[in-house]
Structures are given as structure tokens and as C-alpha cells.
């Protein structure tokens, strides 16, 4: 069973993916994210990079909808989303695979200089793709950069993800991965 804190964080995560704010995550939300990432990376729609982005995001959507869209209506509402994550968090192997996949995805898309670290500007790009503000991103980045070295490594991001998904400590920095969630 999700704790109250987990439910609040996962509700915020849902809101981040619900780009059009209609209370459902649908393929159209993923289409908007794809377009935003494509623009960020300067990739044309038909370029190899643009095609790879589309394939990766739509594969993620297909897997997510197959697992979470329990009523098979083509979208995932908040109840379905929370039920999906409850199951994922109860299964350690599935949970680790989810966190690792999300971390790898974030690095493959947003580590634009390919130095193995996410800097503040790259983190702001991540937030921007979802329509979240750059100032918010930079303030959250400072909170997440636990060792204050100005970058977030892959290992740090894995730990941030673990805090986000599993921590029930309201003071864990990782709680803010997807921005403020109301407590």
C-alpha cells in the first residue's frame, strides 16, 4: 500500500506527464513530450535522432499503457497510475528495473554534452520538456545536488530516484525530483 507521502509524490509525477492537464495520461501527452525533446535536441521529425526519440517514447508509452490502463480506454487516470506504481513498488525487481530505465532515459535524452553528468542547464531542459519553469528547475537542482559539486551523476540520480519512489521521509531531497507536490 502506498503511503500518503508516496501517493502525493506519485500524483505530482502523474501531473508532470499529463501535459494537457485533462486528468489522463494519453499518447497525445507523449506526442507533446516527443515534440519538445525533438526541438530541444534540434532534431527534425524525420531525422534518425527524431525517429529514435519517437520510437523510445512511444515504446515507453506502449509498455506503460499495457501495464497501467486497466480499463483499456486508451488513457491512464490517476487511480490507474497509483495502482500501477503500487504494484511496481511492491516488486523489488520490477522497481529496480523501472528506476534504472528512467535514469538511463534521463541521461540518454538530457545529458546533451554526453559527459556522464546532468548539469543545471540540462536539468532545466528536462523540466522545460514537461512545461515546467527553468527557475523552478534550478532551485530543485540545488536541492538534489547533495554533494554540491554542480552536477548530478548517474549514481546520484539513481539515489534521487530511490528517494522519490520509496522514501517516506518528508525531508528527503529526492522527493522533489518532479517538483513541489504539496504536503
Protein backbone atom coordinates (compact mmCIF):
# COMPACT_ATOMS: atom_id res chain seq x y z
CA UNK A 1 0.00 0.00 0.00
CA UNK A 2 1.29 3.44 -0.90
CA UNK A 3 1.99 5.77 1.98
CA UNK A 4 0.38 9.22 1.96
CA UNK A 5 3.72 10.77 1.01
CA UNK A 6 4.27 8.31 -1.85
CA UNK A 7 0.75 8.99 -3.15
CA UNK A 8 1.42 12.75 -3.11
CA UNK A 9 4.73 12.38 -4.94
CA UNK A 10 3.28 9.99 -7.50
CA UNK A 11 0.32 12.29 -8.03
CA UNK A 12 2.80 15.07 -8.85
CA UNK A 13 4.62 12.71 -11.24
CA UNK A 14 1.27 11.98 -12.91
CA UNK A 15 0.63 15.72 -13.30
CA UNK A 16 4.02 16.16 -14.95
CA UNK A 17 3.17 13.57 -17.64
CA UNK A 18 -0.40 14.85 -18.05
CA UNK A 19 0.86 17.64 -20.32
CA UNK A 20 -2.59 18.85 -21.37
CA UNK A 21 -3.99 18.75 -17.81
CA UNK A 22 -7.07 16.70 -18.71
CA UNK A 23 -6.67 14.26 -15.80
CA UNK A 24 -5.40 11.44 -18.03
CA UNK A 25 -2.07 10.42 -19.47
CA UNK A 26 -2.56 9.52 -23.13
CA UNK A 27 -0.46 9.05 -26.22
CA UNK A 28 -1.11 12.72 -27.09
CA UNK A 29 0.76 13.73 -23.90
CA UNK A 30 3.71 11.63 -25.04
CA UNK A 31 3.48 13.19 -28.52
CA UNK A 32 3.89 16.64 -26.97
CA UNK A 33 6.89 15.47 -24.94
CA UNK A 34 8.44 13.94 -28.07
CA UNK A 35 7.99 17.22 -29.93
CA UNK A 36 9.53 19.21 -27.07
CA UNK A 37 12.54 16.86 -26.83
CA UNK A 38 12.96 16.91 -30.60
CA UNK A 39 13.04 20.72 -30.58
CA UNK A 40 15.44 20.75 -27.61
CA UNK A 41 17.83 18.44 -29.43
CA UNK A 42 17.46 20.24 -32.75
CA UNK A 43 16.35 17.05 -34.47
CA UNK A 44 14.00 17.15 -37.42
CA UNK A 45 10.93 14.96 -37.29
CA UNK A 46 12.30 12.60 -39.92
CA UNK A 47 15.94 12.57 -38.86
CA UNK A 48 17.48 9.43 -37.35
CA UNK A 49 17.63 11.19 -33.96
CA UNK A 50 13.98 12.28 -34.29
CA UNK A 51 12.95 8.74 -35.22
CA UNK A 52 14.89 7.24 -32.29
CA UNK A 53 13.24 9.69 -29.88
CA UNK A 54 9.78 8.86 -31.21
CA UNK A 55 10.42 5.11 -31.05
CA UNK A 56 11.80 5.29 -27.49
CA UNK A 57 8.98 7.43 -26.11
CA UNK A 58 6.23 5.53 -27.90
CA UNK A 59 7.70 2.21 -26.72
CA UNK A 60 7.63 3.60 -23.18
CA UNK A 61 4.01 4.70 -23.71
CA UNK A 62 3.05 1.27 -25.09
CA UNK A 63 4.59 -0.53 -22.12
CA UNK A 64 3.10 1.90 -19.62
CA UNK A 65 -0.39 1.77 -21.11
CA UNK A 66 -0.28 -2.03 -21.37
CA UNK A 67 0.51 -2.23 -17.65
CA UNK A 68 -1.42 0.71 -16.22
CA UNK A 69 -4.50 1.26 -18.42
CA UNK A 70 -6.58 -1.32 -16.58
CA UNK A 71 -9.89 -0.38 -18.23
CA UNK A 72 -8.28 -0.31 -21.71
CA UNK A 73 -9.84 3.03 -22.64
CA UNK A 74 -6.65 4.43 -24.18
CA UNK A 75 -5.63 6.56 -21.23
CA UNK A 76 -4.34 6.30 -17.70
CA UNK A 77 -6.21 8.16 -14.98
CA UNK A 78 -4.76 8.95 -11.57
CA UNK A 79 -6.29 5.87 -9.90
CA UNK A 80 -4.80 3.58 -12.55
CA UNK A 81 -1.44 5.37 -12.27
CA UNK A 82 -1.31 4.95 -8.50
CA UNK A 83 -2.38 1.30 -8.74
CA UNK A 84 0.36 0.69 -11.32
CA UNK A 85 3.02 2.23 -9.07
CA UNK A 86 1.78 0.38 -6.01
CA UNK A 87 2.35 -2.90 -7.84
CA UNK A 88 5.70 -1.74 -9.23
CA UNK A 89 6.96 -0.62 -5.82
CA UNK A 90 5.95 -3.90 -4.14
CA UNK A 91 8.07 -5.94 -6.56
CA UNK A 92 11.75 -5.20 -5.88
CA UNK A 93 12.99 -6.48 -9.25
CA UNK A 94 10.37 -4.51 -11.18
CA UNK A 95 11.02 -1.42 -9.09
CA UNK A 96 14.78 -1.54 -9.71
CA UNK A 97 14.15 -2.04 -13.45
CA UNK A 98 11.80 0.99 -13.51
CA UNK A 99 14.22 3.28 -11.66
CA UNK A 100 17.16 2.13 -13.78
CA UNK A 101 15.18 2.59 -17.00
CA UNK A 102 14.04 6.09 -16.02
CA UNK A 103 17.59 7.06 -15.01
CA UNK A 104 19.06 5.71 -18.25
CA UNK A 105 16.37 7.51 -20.23
CA UNK A 106 17.01 10.82 -18.48
CA UNK A 107 20.72 10.53 -19.19
CA UNK A 108 20.27 9.48 -22.82
CA UNK A 109 18.00 12.45 -23.55
CA UNK A 110 19.18 15.23 -21.25
CA UNK A 111 22.94 14.68 -20.88
CA UNK A 112 23.31 16.66 -24.09
CA UNK A 113 27.06 17.17 -23.77
CA UNK A 114 27.45 13.42 -23.01
CA UNK A 115 29.80 13.96 -20.08
CA UNK A 116 28.02 11.43 -17.86
CA UNK A 117 26.53 14.13 -15.65
CA UNK A 118 23.43 16.30 -15.62
CA UNK A 119 24.24 19.97 -15.07
CA UNK A 120 21.81 22.70 -14.04
CA UNK A 121 21.06 23.75 -17.63
CA UNK A 122 20.42 20.16 -18.67
CA UNK A 123 18.13 19.71 -15.67
CA UNK A 124 16.28 22.89 -16.68
CA UNK A 125 15.87 21.36 -20.17
CA UNK A 126 14.35 18.25 -18.55
CA UNK A 127 11.84 20.41 -16.69
CA UNK A 128 11.19 22.51 -19.79
CA UNK A 129 10.21 19.48 -21.87
CA UNK A 130 7.33 18.96 -19.45
CA UNK A 131 6.38 22.63 -19.42
CA UNK A 132 7.94 23.31 -16.02
CA UNK A 133 9.87 26.53 -15.38
CA UNK A 134 13.62 26.96 -15.57
CA UNK A 135 13.80 28.88 -12.28
CA UNK A 136 11.96 26.05 -10.53
CA UNK A 137 14.33 23.55 -12.14
CA UNK A 138 17.42 25.41 -10.96
CA UNK A 139 16.14 25.68 -7.37
CA UNK A 140 15.23 21.97 -7.32
CA UNK A 141 18.62 21.12 -8.86
CA UNK A 142 20.40 22.78 -5.93
CA UNK A 143 18.33 20.65 -3.53
CA UNK A 144 19.07 17.43 -5.43
CA UNK A 145 22.82 18.06 -5.81
CA UNK A 146 23.61 16.51 -2.43
CA UNK A 147 27.40 16.84 -2.70
CA UNK A 148 27.20 20.41 -4.06
CA UNK A 149 29.54 19.76 -6.97
CA UNK A 150 27.25 21.42 -9.51
CA UNK A 151 26.29 18.22 -11.34
CA UNK A 152 24.18 15.12 -10.80
CA UNK A 153 25.91 11.86 -11.70
CA UNK A 154 24.12 8.70 -12.81
CA UNK A 155 24.65 7.18 -9.34
CA UNK A 156 23.30 10.32 -7.68
CA UNK A 157 20.24 10.23 -9.94
CA UNK A 158 19.64 6.58 -9.05
CA UNK A 159 19.69 7.54 -5.36
CA UNK A 160 17.39 10.51 -6.03
CA UNK A 161 15.01 8.12 -7.80
CA UNK A 162 15.10 5.71 -4.90
CA UNK A 163 14.28 8.53 -2.51
CA UNK A 164 11.46 9.72 -4.73
CA UNK A 165 9.80 6.34 -5.12
CA UNK A 166 10.48 4.66 -1.82
CA UNK A 167 11.31 7.21 0.86
CA UNK A 168 8.66 8.10 3.39
CA UNK A 169 10.94 10.73 4.92
CA UNK A 170 9.45 14.15 4.09
CA UNK A 171 12.92 15.73 4.26
CA UNK A 172 14.50 13.51 1.56
CA UNK A 173 15.77 15.71 -1.27
CA UNK A 174 14.70 13.13 -3.86
CA UNK A 175 11.07 13.83 -3.04
CA UNK A 176 11.39 16.94 -5.21
CA UNK A 177 12.54 15.16 -8.39
CA UNK A 178 9.41 16.21 -10.27
CA UNK A 179 8.88 19.46 -8.39
CA UNK A 180 6.72 20.52 -5.47
CA UNK A 181 3.90 18.15 -4.65
CA UNK A 182 2.08 19.67 -1.67
CA UNK A 183 2.30 18.03 1.72
